[in-house]
Amino acid sequence: MPEVIVDKEKLAYGLERGIEHTDTIFVEIPRKYILRGTPCGLVTSGIHEYTEAVGIPSKRVISTPDWSFDPELQHTFPLIGGDTENAVVVDASYSQFFTYIGLPWGYELATGTKEFPDDKILTFRLSERDVIAGWMSKVAVEFQGRNVHPEGVFSEDLGVGPLAEASHEEINAVYSRIWEPALSEPWLPPERVVKHGTVVANYIPKDAITIS
């Protein structure tokens, strides 16, 4: 079976540069934090338009985790290389889920500390989703012990969230639903999102994603 190879540094660089050239509000986010704060639809559309341009099979997916604390939340991500459990998830907005534990994109700006994982983009086979959810849960629980609840620009507490004091098991039960196929379906984004995604795609290096 062909192997999907993602150069995450090149892809992150291209997405960040591309988002800076859109006419969205996300251009106001410092480049270092763009992928920590930009919503899933924009980066999903950018990656999909890029793969279409370079001839790599992909599809846009939207999941509905149906969480009690955020029942309206839906999450989009591209699946590359087919529809099976071997398809590769490329999630460039996974950091948004750390907001639930009190780690929004502005936390590091407020504290001057480094709290987010090094990877701005997650890539994994769909069959590995439970492993990834477990890793994210571990990161979340470790952060709980360091959370200093800094103030944001409007004097709000940045360190609060519905999972800020949850257990590893509770957090894992939440995160394990993010990429669950039974909760997902194909996604057709609005025209404006496609437009912004096309702009973003133009800045992604041609060899950021390859198939061998």
N, C-alpha and C. Protein backbone atom coordinates (compact mmCIF):
# COMPACT_ATOMS: atom_id res chain seq x y z
N MET A 1 0.84 -1.19 0.00
CA MET A 1 0.00 0.00 0.00
C MET A 1 0.88 1.25 0.00
N PRO A 2 0.56 2.26 -0.82
CA PRO A 2 1.36 3.49 -0.85
C PRO A 2 1.44 4.14 0.53
N GLU A 3 2.59 4.74 0.81
CA GLU A 3 2.79 5.40 2.10
C GLU A 3 2.67 6.90 1.95
N VAL A 4 1.86 7.51 2.81
CA VAL A 4 1.71 8.96 2.82
C VAL A 4 2.80 9.54 3.72
N ILE A 5 3.59 10.45 3.17
CA ILE A 5 4.69 11.06 3.91
C ILE A 5 4.39 12.55 4.06
N VAL A 6 4.32 13.01 5.30
CA VAL A 6 4.02 14.41 5.57
C VAL A 6 5.23 15.07 6.23
N ASP A 7 5.74 16.11 5.58
CA ASP A 7 6.79 16.92 6.19
C ASP A 7 6.07 17.99 7.02
N LYS A 8 5.93 17.74 8.30
CA LYS A 8 5.10 18.61 9.14
C LYS A 8 5.66 20.03 9.26
N GLU A 9 6.96 20.17 9.22
CA GLU A 9 7.54 21.51 9.30
C GLU A 9 7.21 22.32 8.05
N LYS A 10 7.35 21.71 6.89
CA LYS A 10 7.02 22.41 5.65
C LYS A 10 5.53 22.72 5.58
N LEU A 11 4.71 21.76 5.99
CA LEU A 11 3.27 21.97 5.94
C LEU A 11 2.85 23.09 6.89
N ALA A 12 3.39 23.08 8.10
CA ALA A 12 3.06 24.13 9.07
C ALA A 12 3.49 25.50 8.56
N TYR A 13 4.69 25.56 7.99
CA TYR A 13 5.19 26.82 7.44
C TYR A 13 4.26 27.34 6.35
N GLY A 14 3.86 26.46 5.44
CA GLY A 14 2.98 26.87 4.35
C GLY A 14 1.62 27.31 4.84
N LEU A 15 1.05 26.58 5.78
CA LEU A 15 -0.25 26.95 6.32
C LEU A 15 -0.19 28.30 7.03
N GLU A 16 0.84 28.51 7.82
CA GLU A 16 0.97 29.78 8.54
C GLU A 16 1.12 30.94 7.57
N ARG A 17 1.98 30.79 6.59
CA ARG A 17 2.16 31.86 5.60
C ARG A 17 0.88 32.10 4.82
N GLY A 18 0.22 31.02 4.44
CA GLY A 18 -1.01 31.16 3.68
C GLY A 18 -2.10 31.86 4.46
N ILE A 19 -2.28 31.48 5.71
CA ILE A 19 -3.31 32.11 6.54
C ILE A 19 -3.04 33.60 6.69
N GLU A 20 -1.77 33.97 6.77
CA GLU A 20 -1.41 35.39 6.87
C GLU A 20 -1.81 36.18 5.63
N HIS A 21 -2.05 35.49 4.53
CA HIS A 21 -2.44 36.16 3.29
C HIS A 21 -3.94 36.09 3.01
N THR A 22 -4.71 35.57 3.95
CA THR A 22 -6.17 35.58 3.79
C THR A 22 -6.72 36.88 4.37
N ASP A 23 -8.00 37.12 4.10
CA ASP A 23 -8.65 38.30 4.70
C ASP A 23 -9.54 37.89 5.87
N THR A 24 -9.04 36.93 6.65
CA THR A 24 -9.76 36.47 7.83
C THR A 24 -9.20 37.15 9.08
N ILE A 25 -9.92 37.03 10.19
CA ILE A 25 -9.46 37.63 11.44
C ILE A 25 -8.23 36.92 12.00
N PHE A 26 -7.94 35.75 11.48
CA PHE A 26 -6.85 34.96 12.03
C PHE A 26 -5.48 35.48 11.64
N VAL A 27 -5.45 36.45 10.73
CA VAL A 27 -4.17 37.09 10.39
C VAL A 27 -3.63 37.89 11.57
N GLU A 28 -4.50 38.18 12.54
CA GLU A 28 -4.07 38.95 13.71
C GLU A 28 -3.32 38.10 14.72
N ILE A 29 -3.40 36.79 14.60
CA ILE A 29 -2.69 35.91 15.53
C ILE A 29 -1.21 35.87 15.16
N PRO A 30 -0.30 36.03 16.11
CA PRO A 30 1.13 35.92 15.79
C PRO A 30 1.42 34.58 15.11
N ARG A 31 2.32 34.60 14.13
CA ARG A 31 2.57 33.40 13.33
C ARG A 31 2.87 32.18 14.19
N LYS A 32 3.60 32.37 15.26
CA LYS A 32 3.97 31.26 16.14
C LYS A 32 2.75 30.51 16.67
N TYR A 33 1.62 31.23 16.76
CA TYR A 33 0.41 30.64 17.36
C TYR A 33 -0.74 30.45 16.38
N ILE A 34 -0.50 30.72 15.10
CA ILE A 34 -1.59 30.65 14.12
C ILE A 34 -2.26 29.28 14.13
N LEU A 35 -1.48 28.22 14.13
CA LEU A 35 -2.07 26.88 14.09
C LEU A 35 -2.59 26.43 15.46
N ARG A 36 -2.32 27.20 16.49
CA ARG A 36 -2.91 26.93 17.80
C ARG A 36 -4.28 27.59 17.91
N GLY A 37 -4.53 28.60 17.06
CA GLY A 37 -5.77 29.36 17.21
C GLY A 37 -6.68 29.42 16.01
N THR A 38 -6.21 28.96 14.84
CA THR A 38 -7.05 28.99 13.64
C THR A 38 -8.00 27.80 13.63
N PRO A 39 -9.26 28.01 13.24
CA PRO A 39 -10.24 26.92 13.27
C PRO A 39 -9.96 25.84 12.23
N CYS A 40 -10.57 24.70 12.47
CA CYS A 40 -10.31 23.51 11.66
C CYS A 40 -10.72 23.67 10.20
N GLY A 41 -11.80 24.38 9.94
CA GLY A 41 -12.29 24.47 8.57
C GLY A 41 -11.30 25.10 7.62
N LEU A 42 -10.63 26.15 8.06
CA LEU A 42 -9.68 26.86 7.21
C LEU A 42 -8.48 25.99 6.87
N VAL A 43 -7.89 25.34 7.87
CA VAL A 43 -6.71 24.52 7.58
C VAL A 43 -7.08 23.25 6.82
N THR A 44 -8.24 22.69 7.11
CA THR A 44 -8.69 21.51 6.36
C THR A 44 -8.86 21.85 4.90
N SER A 45 -9.50 22.99 4.64
CA SER A 45 -9.71 23.41 3.25
C SER A 45 -8.38 23.68 2.56
N GLY A 46 -7.45 24.32 3.26
CA GLY A 46 -6.14 24.60 2.67
C GLY A 46 -5.40 23.34 2.30
N ILE A 47 -5.39 22.37 3.21
CA ILE A 47 -4.69 21.11 2.93
C ILE A 47 -5.36 20.35 1.79
N HIS A 48 -6.69 20.34 1.79
CA HIS A 48 -7.41 19.61 0.73
C HIS A 48 -7.16 20.25 -0.64
N GLU A 49 -7.22 21.57 -0.71
CA GLU A 49 -6.98 22.24 -1.99
C GLU A 49 -5.55 21.99 -2.46
N TYR A 50 -4.62 21.93 -1.53
CA TYR A 50 -3.23 21.62 -1.88
C TYR A 50 -3.11 20.20 -2.44
N THR A 51 -3.71 19.22 -1.76
CA THR A 51 -3.59 17.84 -2.23
C THR A 51 -4.27 17.67 -3.59
N GLU A 52 -5.37 18.37 -3.80
CA GLU A 52 -6.02 18.32 -5.11
C GLU A 52 -5.08 18.85 -6.19
N ALA A 53 -4.38 19.93 -5.88
CA ALA A 53 -3.49 20.55 -6.87
C ALA A 53 -2.31 19.67 -7.23
N VAL A 54 -1.81 18.89 -6.26
CA VAL A 54 -0.63 18.06 -6.52
C VAL A 54 -1.00 16.61 -6.85
N GLY A 55 -2.29 16.33 -6.94
CA GLY A 55 -2.73 15.00 -7.37
C GLY A 55 -2.69 13.92 -6.32
N ILE A 56 -2.84 14.29 -5.06
CA ILE A 56 -2.87 13.31 -3.98
C ILE A 56 -4.32 13.11 -3.53
N PRO A 57 -4.80 11.87 -3.49
CA PRO A 57 -6.20 11.64 -3.10
C PRO A 57 -6.46 12.00 -1.64
N SER A 58 -7.48 12.80 -1.42
CA SER A 58 -7.86 13.16 -0.05
C SER A 58 -9.34 13.49 -0.02
N LYS A 59 -9.88 13.47 1.17
CA LYS A 59 -11.26 13.92 1.32
C LYS A 59 -11.40 14.69 2.62
N ARG A 60 -12.35 15.60 2.63
CA ARG A 60 -12.62 16.40 3.81
C ARG A 60 -13.69 15.70 4.64
N VAL A 61 -13.43 15.62 5.94
CA VAL A 61 -14.32 14.90 6.85
C VAL A 61 -14.74 15.84 7.97
N ILE A 62 -15.98 15.67 8.44
CA ILE A 62 -16.44 16.43 9.60
C ILE A 62 -16.99 15.46 10.63
N SER A 63 -16.54 15.62 11.87
CA SER A 63 -17.01 14.75 12.95
C SER A 63 -17.89 15.56 13.91
N THR A 64 -18.80 14.86 14.55
CA THR A 64 -19.69 15.46 15.55
C THR A 64 -19.54 14.66 16.84
N PRO A 65 -18.60 15.05 17.70
CA PRO A 65 -18.33 14.27 18.91
C PRO A 65 -19.48 14.22 19.90
N ASP A 66 -20.39 15.22 19.86
CA ASP A 66 -21.58 15.24 20.71
C ASP A 66 -21.20 15.22 22.19
N TRP A 67 -20.39 16.19 22.59
CA TRP A 67 -20.00 16.32 23.99
C TRP A 67 -21.06 17.09 24.76
N SER A 68 -21.34 16.69 25.98
CA SER A 68 -22.37 17.35 26.79
C SER A 68 -22.03 18.81 27.06
N PHE A 69 -20.74 19.12 27.20
CA PHE A 69 -20.33 20.49 27.51
C PHE A 69 -20.18 21.36 26.27
N ASP A 70 -20.23 20.77 25.09
CA ASP A 70 -20.11 21.52 23.83
C ASP A 70 -20.83 20.74 22.73
N PRO A 71 -22.16 20.60 22.84
CA PRO A 71 -22.90 19.72 21.94
C PRO A 71 -22.91 20.16 20.48
N GLU A 72 -22.66 21.43 20.22
CA GLU A 72 -22.71 21.93 18.84
C GLU A 72 -21.37 21.81 18.13
N LEU A 73 -20.33 21.45 18.85
CA LEU A 73 -18.99 21.40 18.27
C LEU A 73 -18.91 20.35 17.16
N GLN A 74 -18.35 20.77 16.02
CA GLN A 74 -18.00 19.84 14.94
C GLN A 74 -16.54 20.11 14.56
N HIS A 75 -15.87 19.07 14.13
CA HIS A 75 -14.44 19.18 13.83
C HIS A 75 -14.17 18.62 12.44
N THR A 76 -13.47 19.40 11.63
CA THR A 76 -13.13 18.95 10.28
C THR A 76 -11.64 18.62 10.20
N PHE A 77 -11.34 17.66 9.32
CA PHE A 77 -9.95 17.27 9.09
C PHE A 77 -9.87 16.54 7.76
N PRO A 78 -8.72 16.58 7.10
CA PRO A 78 -8.54 15.84 5.85
C PRO A 78 -8.07 14.41 6.11
N LEU A 79 -8.59 13.50 5.31
CA LEU A 79 -8.13 12.11 5.29
C LEU A 79 -7.41 11.91 3.97
N ILE A 80 -6.19 11.44 4.04
CA ILE A 80 -5.36 11.32 2.84
C ILE A 80 -5.04 9.86 2.56
N GLY A 81 -5.18 9.49 1.29
CA GLY A 81 -4.78 8.15 0.88
C GLY A 81 -5.87 7.11 0.89
N GLY A 82 -7.13 7.52 0.96
CA GLY A 82 -8.23 6.56 0.90
C GLY A 82 -9.21 6.70 2.04
N ASP A 83 -10.13 5.73 2.14
CA ASP A 83 -11.20 5.79 3.13
C ASP A 83 -11.07 4.74 4.22
N THR A 84 -10.04 3.93 4.18
CA THR A 84 -9.92 2.82 5.11
C THR A 84 -9.25 3.25 6.41
N GLU A 85 -9.09 2.30 7.31
CA GLU A 85 -8.40 2.56 8.58
C GLU A 85 -6.94 2.93 8.35
N ASN A 86 -6.42 2.65 7.15
CA ASN A 86 -5.04 3.01 6.83
C ASN A 86 -4.90 4.42 6.30
N ALA A 87 -6.02 5.11 6.07
CA ALA A 87 -5.96 6.49 5.62
C ALA A 87 -5.28 7.34 6.69
N VAL A 88 -4.62 8.41 6.26
CA VAL A 88 -3.84 9.24 7.18
C VAL A 88 -4.61 10.52 7.52
N VAL A 89 -4.79 10.74 8.80
CA VAL A 89 -5.36 11.99 9.30
C VAL A 89 -4.25 13.03 9.36
N VAL A 90 -4.52 14.21 8.81
CA VAL A 90 -3.58 15.33 8.93
C VAL A 90 -4.34 16.45 9.63
N ASP A 91 -4.12 16.57 10.93
CA ASP A 91 -4.91 17.51 11.74
C ASP A 91 -4.03 18.68 12.17
N ALA A 92 -4.24 19.82 11.52
CA ALA A 92 -3.44 21.02 11.81
C ALA A 92 -4.12 21.95 12.80
N SER A 93 -5.24 21.53 13.37
CA SER A 93 -5.93 22.38 14.34
C SER A 93 -6.26 21.64 15.63
N TYR A 94 -5.57 20.53 15.86
CA TYR A 94 -5.86 19.74 17.06
C TYR A 94 -5.62 20.51 18.35
N SER A 95 -4.76 21.54 18.30
CA SER A 95 -4.44 22.30 19.51
C SER A 95 -5.67 22.97 20.12
N GLN A 96 -6.70 23.20 19.30
CA GLN A 96 -7.90 23.85 19.83
C GLN A 96 -8.53 23.03 20.95
N PHE A 97 -8.31 21.72 20.96
CA PHE A 97 -8.93 20.89 21.99
C PHE A 97 -8.26 21.03 23.35
N PHE A 98 -7.10 21.66 23.39
CA PHE A 98 -6.48 21.95 24.68
C PHE A 98 -7.15 23.14 25.37
N THR A 99 -7.94 23.91 24.61
CA THR A 99 -8.70 24.99 25.23
C THR A 99 -9.61 24.46 26.32
N TYR A 100 -10.13 23.25 26.13
CA TYR A 100 -11.02 22.66 27.13
C TYR A 100 -10.33 22.40 28.46
N ILE A 101 -9.01 22.30 28.46
CA ILE A 101 -8.30 22.06 29.72
C ILE A 101 -7.70 23.35 30.27
N GLY A 102 -8.02 24.48 29.64
CA GLY A 102 -7.50 25.76 30.11
C GLY A 102 -6.21 26.18 29.43
N LEU A 103 -5.98 25.67 28.21
CA LEU A 103 -4.78 26.03 27.44
C LEU A 103 -5.18 26.56 26.07
N PRO A 104 -5.72 27.80 26.00
CA PRO A 104 -6.01 28.41 24.71
C PRO A 104 -4.73 28.94 24.08
N TRP A 105 -4.82 29.40 22.83
CA TRP A 105 -3.60 29.80 22.14
C TRP A 105 -2.91 30.98 22.82
N GLY A 106 -3.65 31.82 23.54
CA GLY A 106 -3.05 32.99 24.18
C GLY A 106 -2.38 32.71 25.51
N TYR A 107 -2.47 31.48 25.99
CA TYR A 107 -1.90 31.15 27.31
C TYR A 107 -0.40 31.41 27.36
N GLU A 108 0.32 30.93 26.35
CA GLU A 108 1.78 31.10 26.37
C GLU A 108 2.18 32.56 26.26
N LEU A 109 1.41 33.35 25.52
CA LEU A 109 1.68 34.78 25.44
C LEU A 109 1.54 35.43 26.80
N ALA A 110 0.53 35.00 27.55
CA ALA A 110 0.26 35.60 28.85
C ALA A 110 1.28 35.21 29.91
N THR A 111 1.85 34.02 29.79
CA THR A 111 2.75 33.52 30.84
C THR A 111 4.22 33.53 30.46
N GLY A 112 4.51 33.55 29.16
CA GLY A 112 5.89 33.46 28.72
C GLY A 112 6.47 32.07 28.85
N THR A 113 5.61 31.08 29.08
CA THR A 113 6.05 29.69 29.22
C THR A 113 5.74 28.92 27.95
N LYS A 114 6.30 27.73 27.82
CA LYS A 114 5.99 26.85 26.70
C LYS A 114 5.15 25.70 27.22
N GLU A 115 3.93 25.59 26.73
CA GLU A 115 3.01 24.57 27.23
C GLU A 115 2.50 23.63 26.14
N PHE A 116 2.39 24.12 24.91
CA PHE A 116 1.89 23.27 23.84
C PHE A 116 2.93 22.22 23.44
N PRO A 117 2.48 21.07 22.96
CA PRO A 117 3.43 20.09 22.40
C PRO A 117 4.21 20.71 21.24
N ASP A 118 5.37 20.16 20.94
CA ASP A 118 6.18 20.70 19.85
C ASP A 118 5.46 20.64 18.51
N ASP A 119 4.77 19.55 18.25
CA ASP A 119 4.11 19.37 16.95
C ASP A 119 2.90 20.28 16.82
N LYS A 120 2.90 21.09 15.77
CA LYS A 120 1.73 21.91 15.47
C LYS A 120 0.70 21.14 14.66
N ILE A 121 1.14 20.04 14.06
CA ILE A 121 0.27 19.22 13.21
C ILE A 121 0.39 17.77 13.65
N LEU A 122 -0.73 17.09 13.73
CA LEU A 122 -0.74 15.66 14.01
C LEU A 122 -0.95 14.90 12.71
N THR A 123 -0.17 13.86 12.49
CA THR A 123 -0.38 12.96 11.35
C THR A 123 -0.35 11.53 11.88
N PHE A 124 -1.37 10.77 11.54
CA PHE A 124 -1.45 9.39 12.02
C PHE A 124 -2.47 8.63 11.19
N ARG A 125 -2.28 7.32 11.14
CA ARG A 125 -3.28 6.48 10.48
C ARG A 125 -4.57 6.50 11.30
N LEU A 126 -5.68 6.46 10.63
CA LEU A 126 -6.96 6.50 11.33
C LEU A 126 -7.06 5.39 12.36
N SER A 127 -6.44 4.26 12.08
CA SER A 127 -6.45 3.13 13.01
C SER A 127 -5.70 3.43 14.31
N GLU A 128 -4.91 4.50 14.33
CA GLU A 128 -4.11 4.86 15.50
C GLU A 128 -4.77 5.94 16.35
N ARG A 129 -6.02 6.27 16.05
CA ARG A 129 -6.68 7.39 16.71
C ARG A 129 -6.74 7.25 18.23
N ASP A 130 -6.93 6.05 18.74
CA ASP A 130 -7.00 5.87 20.19
C ASP A 130 -5.65 6.13 20.86
N VAL A 131 -4.58 5.78 20.17
CA VAL A 131 -3.24 6.06 20.70
C VAL A 131 -3.02 7.57 20.79
N ILE A 132 -3.43 8.28 19.76
CA ILE A 132 -3.27 9.73 19.73
C ILE A 132 -4.12 10.39 20.81
N ALA A 133 -5.35 9.92 20.98
CA ALA A 133 -6.22 10.46 22.03
C ALA A 133 -5.60 10.24 23.41
N GLY A 134 -5.00 9.08 23.60
CA GLY A 134 -4.34 8.79 24.87
C GLY A 134 -3.16 9.70 25.12
N TRP A 135 -2.38 9.96 24.07
CA TRP A 135 -1.24 10.88 24.20
C TRP A 135 -1.71 12.29 24.54
N MET A 136 -2.75 12.77 23.85
CA MET A 136 -3.28 14.10 24.14
C MET A 136 -3.80 14.19 25.57
N SER A 137 -4.42 13.13 26.04
CA SER A 137 -4.93 13.10 27.42
C SER A 137 -3.79 13.19 28.42
N LYS A 138 -2.69 12.51 28.13
CA LYS A 138 -1.51 12.58 29.00
C LYS A 138 -0.95 13.99 29.04
N VAL A 139 -0.86 14.62 27.87
CA VAL A 139 -0.39 16.01 27.80
C VAL A 139 -1.31 16.91 28.63
N ALA A 140 -2.61 16.69 28.51
CA ALA A 140 -3.59 17.51 29.22
C ALA A 140 -3.44 17.40 30.73
N VAL A 141 -3.34 16.18 31.22
CA VAL A 141 -3.24 15.97 32.66
C VAL A 141 -1.93 16.55 33.21
N GLU A 142 -0.85 16.41 32.46
CA GLU A 142 0.42 16.98 32.90
C GLU A 142 0.34 18.50 32.97
N PHE A 143 -0.38 19.10 32.03
CA PHE A 143 -0.54 20.56 32.04
C PHE A 143 -1.36 21.02 33.24
N GLN A 144 -2.34 20.25 33.65
CA GLN A 144 -3.18 20.66 34.78
C GLN A 144 -2.34 21.04 36.00
N GLY A 145 -1.27 20.33 36.23
CA GLY A 145 -0.42 20.61 37.38
C GLY A 145 0.41 21.88 37.24
N ARG A 146 0.49 22.42 36.01
CA ARG A 146 1.27 23.65 35.77
C ARG A 146 0.39 24.86 35.52
N ASN A 147 -0.90 24.65 35.43
CA ASN A 147 -1.84 25.71 35.06
C ASN A 147 -1.85 26.81 36.13
N VAL A 148 -1.42 28.01 35.74
CA VAL A 148 -1.36 29.13 36.70
C VAL A 148 -2.53 30.09 36.52
N HIS A 149 -3.47 29.77 35.64
CA HIS A 149 -4.67 30.59 35.43
C HIS A 149 -4.32 32.06 35.17
N PRO A 150 -3.58 32.33 34.11
CA PRO A 150 -3.21 33.72 33.81
C PRO A 150 -4.41 34.53 33.34
N GLU A 151 -4.29 35.85 33.45
CA GLU A 151 -5.33 36.74 32.95
C GLU A 151 -5.10 37.03 31.48
N GLY A 152 -6.21 37.10 30.72
CA GLY A 152 -6.14 37.49 29.33
C GLY A 152 -6.24 39.00 29.20
N VAL A 153 -6.33 39.49 27.96
CA VAL A 153 -6.36 40.93 27.72
C VAL A 153 -7.61 41.59 28.26
N PHE A 154 -8.66 40.81 28.49
CA PHE A 154 -9.90 41.36 29.05
C PHE A 154 -10.07 40.95 30.51
N SER A 155 -8.97 40.62 31.15
CA SER A 155 -8.94 40.21 32.56
C SER A 155 -9.66 38.90 32.82
N GLU A 156 -9.89 38.13 31.77
CA GLU A 156 -10.52 36.82 31.93
C GLU A 156 -9.49 35.78 32.34
N ASP A 157 -9.96 34.75 33.00
CA ASP A 157 -9.09 33.64 33.41
C ASP A 157 -8.88 32.71 32.22
N LEU A 158 -7.66 32.67 31.70
CA LEU A 158 -7.37 31.83 30.54
C LEU A 158 -7.26 30.35 30.90
N GLY A 159 -7.12 30.06 32.18
CA GLY A 159 -6.86 28.68 32.59
C GLY A 159 -8.09 27.87 32.94
N VAL A 160 -9.27 28.37 32.59
CA VAL A 160 -10.48 27.62 32.90
C VAL A 160 -10.95 26.85 31.67
N GLY A 161 -11.76 25.84 31.90
CA GLY A 161 -12.32 25.04 30.82
C GLY A 161 -13.09 23.87 31.40
N PRO A 162 -13.98 23.28 30.63
CA PRO A 162 -14.81 22.18 31.14
C PRO A 162 -14.02 20.95 31.56
N LEU A 163 -12.78 20.83 31.09
CA LEU A 163 -11.95 19.68 31.46
C LEU A 163 -10.73 20.09 32.28
N ALA A 164 -10.74 21.31 32.80
CA ALA A 164 -9.56 21.83 33.50
C ALA A 164 -9.21 21.01 34.74
N GLU A 165 -10.19 20.36 35.33
CA GLU A 165 -9.94 19.54 36.52
C GLU A 165 -10.39 18.10 36.32
N ALA A 166 -10.59 17.70 35.08
CA ALA A 166 -11.06 16.34 34.79
C ALA A 166 -9.92 15.33 34.94
N SER A 167 -10.29 14.08 35.13
CA SER A 167 -9.30 13.01 35.25
C SER A 167 -8.80 12.59 33.87
N HIS A 168 -7.71 11.81 33.87
CA HIS A 168 -7.19 11.28 32.61
C HIS A 168 -8.25 10.47 31.90
N GLU A 169 -8.99 9.66 32.61
CA GLU A 169 -10.02 8.82 32.01
C GLU A 169 -11.12 9.67 31.38
N GLU A 170 -11.53 10.72 32.08
CA GLU A 170 -12.58 11.60 31.55
C GLU A 170 -12.12 12.33 30.31
N ILE A 171 -10.89 12.83 30.34
CA ILE A 171 -10.36 13.54 29.18
C ILE A 171 -10.19 12.59 28.00
N ASN A 172 -9.70 11.40 28.26
CA ASN A 172 -9.51 10.43 27.19
C ASN A 172 -10.84 10.04 26.55
N ALA A 173 -11.89 9.92 27.35
CA ALA A 173 -13.21 9.59 26.81
C ALA A 173 -13.70 10.69 25.87
N VAL A 174 -13.33 11.93 26.16
CA VAL A 174 -13.69 13.06 25.29
C VAL A 174 -12.86 13.04 24.02
N TYR A 175 -11.55 13.00 24.16
CA TYR A 175 -10.67 13.08 23.00
C TYR A 175 -10.81 11.88 22.06
N SER A 176 -11.20 10.74 22.59
CA SER A 176 -11.31 9.54 21.75
C SER A 176 -12.44 9.64 20.73
N ARG A 177 -13.30 10.63 20.86
CA ARG A 177 -14.42 10.80 19.92
C ARG A 177 -14.09 11.75 18.77
N ILE A 178 -12.95 12.42 18.83
CA ILE A 178 -12.65 13.46 17.85
C ILE A 178 -12.59 12.92 16.43
N TRP A 179 -11.91 11.80 16.22
CA TRP A 179 -11.70 11.26 14.86
C TRP A 179 -12.45 9.94 14.65
N GLU A 180 -13.44 9.68 15.44
CA GLU A 180 -14.18 8.42 15.38
C GLU A 180 -14.97 8.33 14.06
N PRO A 181 -14.70 7.33 13.22
CA PRO A 181 -15.40 7.21 11.94
C PRO A 181 -16.92 7.14 12.06
N ALA A 182 -17.41 6.49 13.11
CA ALA A 182 -18.86 6.36 13.29
C ALA A 182 -19.53 7.70 13.56
N LEU A 183 -18.75 8.70 13.94
CA LEU A 183 -19.28 10.02 14.23
C LEU A 183 -18.92 11.02 13.14
N SER A 184 -18.43 10.52 12.00
CA SER A 184 -17.92 11.38 10.94
C SER A 184 -18.65 11.15 9.63
N GLU A 185 -18.57 12.16 8.77
CA GLU A 185 -19.15 12.08 7.43
C GLU A 185 -18.40 13.03 6.51
N PRO A 186 -18.54 12.89 5.20
CA PRO A 186 -17.88 13.81 4.28
C PRO A 186 -18.33 15.25 4.52
N TRP A 187 -17.43 16.17 4.30
CA TRP A 187 -17.72 17.59 4.56
C TRP A 187 -17.55 18.40 3.28
N LEU A 188 -18.55 19.20 2.96
CA LEU A 188 -18.49 20.14 1.85
C LEU A 188 -18.50 21.54 2.44
N PRO A 189 -17.38 22.23 2.45
CA PRO A 189 -17.31 23.54 3.11
C PRO A 189 -18.04 24.62 2.34
N PRO A 190 -18.42 25.70 3.02
CA PRO A 190 -19.02 26.85 2.34
C PRO A 190 -18.04 27.45 1.33
N GLU A 191 -18.57 28.15 0.37
CA GLU A 191 -17.75 28.71 -0.70
C GLU A 191 -16.66 29.63 -0.16
N ARG A 192 -16.98 30.42 0.85
CA ARG A 192 -15.98 31.35 1.40
C ARG A 192 -14.80 30.60 2.02
N VAL A 193 -15.08 29.44 2.62
CA VAL A 193 -14.01 28.65 3.22
C VAL A 193 -13.13 28.04 2.13
N VAL A 194 -13.75 27.60 1.04
CA VAL A 194 -12.98 27.08 -0.10
C VAL A 194 -12.09 28.18 -0.66
N LYS A 195 -12.63 29.40 -0.75
CA LYS A 195 -11.85 30.52 -1.27
C LYS A 195 -10.61 30.77 -0.41
N HIS A 196 -10.81 30.83 0.88
CA HIS A 196 -9.67 31.05 1.78
C HIS A 196 -8.70 29.86 1.72
N GLY A 197 -9.25 28.66 1.62
CA GLY A 197 -8.40 27.48 1.54
C GLY A 197 -7.54 27.48 0.30
N THR A 198 -8.07 27.97 -0.80
CA THR A 198 -7.31 28.05 -2.05
C THR A 198 -6.14 29.01 -1.90
N VAL A 199 -6.37 30.12 -1.21
CA VAL A 199 -5.28 31.07 -0.94
C VAL A 199 -4.19 30.39 -0.12
N VAL A 200 -4.60 29.71 0.94
CA VAL A 200 -3.65 29.04 1.82
C VAL A 200 -2.84 27.99 1.06
N ALA A 201 -3.52 27.21 0.22
CA ALA A 201 -2.87 26.12 -0.51
C ALA A 201 -1.72 26.61 -1.38
N ASN A 202 -1.83 27.83 -1.88
CA ASN A 202 -0.79 28.37 -2.75
C ASN A 202 0.54 28.56 -2.05
N TYR A 203 0.54 28.57 -0.74
CA TYR A 203 1.77 28.80 0.02
C TYR A 203 2.37 27.52 0.60
N ILE A 204 1.72 26.40 0.38
CA ILE A 204 2.24 25.13 0.89
C ILE A 204 3.27 24.58 -0.09
N PRO A 205 4.48 24.29 0.35
CA PRO A 205 5.51 23.74 -0.55
C PRO A 205 5.02 22.48 -1.25
N LYS A 206 5.42 22.31 -2.49
CA LYS A 206 4.92 21.20 -3.32
C LYS A 206 5.22 19.83 -2.73
N ASP A 207 6.31 19.71 -1.98
CA ASP A 207 6.67 18.41 -1.43
C ASP A 207 6.35 18.29 0.06
N ALA A 208 5.42 19.10 0.55
CA ALA A 208 5.04 19.01 1.96
C ALA A 208 4.36 17.68 2.26
N ILE A 209 3.59 17.19 1.29
CA ILE A 209 2.95 15.88 1.41
C ILE A 209 3.26 15.10 0.13
N THR A 210 3.74 13.89 0.28
CA THR A 210 4.03 13.04 -0.87
C THR A 210 3.52 11.63 -0.61
N ILE A 211 3.40 10.86 -1.67
CA ILE A 211 3.03 9.45 -1.56
C ILE A 211 4.09 8.62 -2.26
N SER A 212 4.60 7.61 -1.56
CA SER A 212 5.64 6.77 -2.16
C SER A 212 5.16 5.33 -2.26
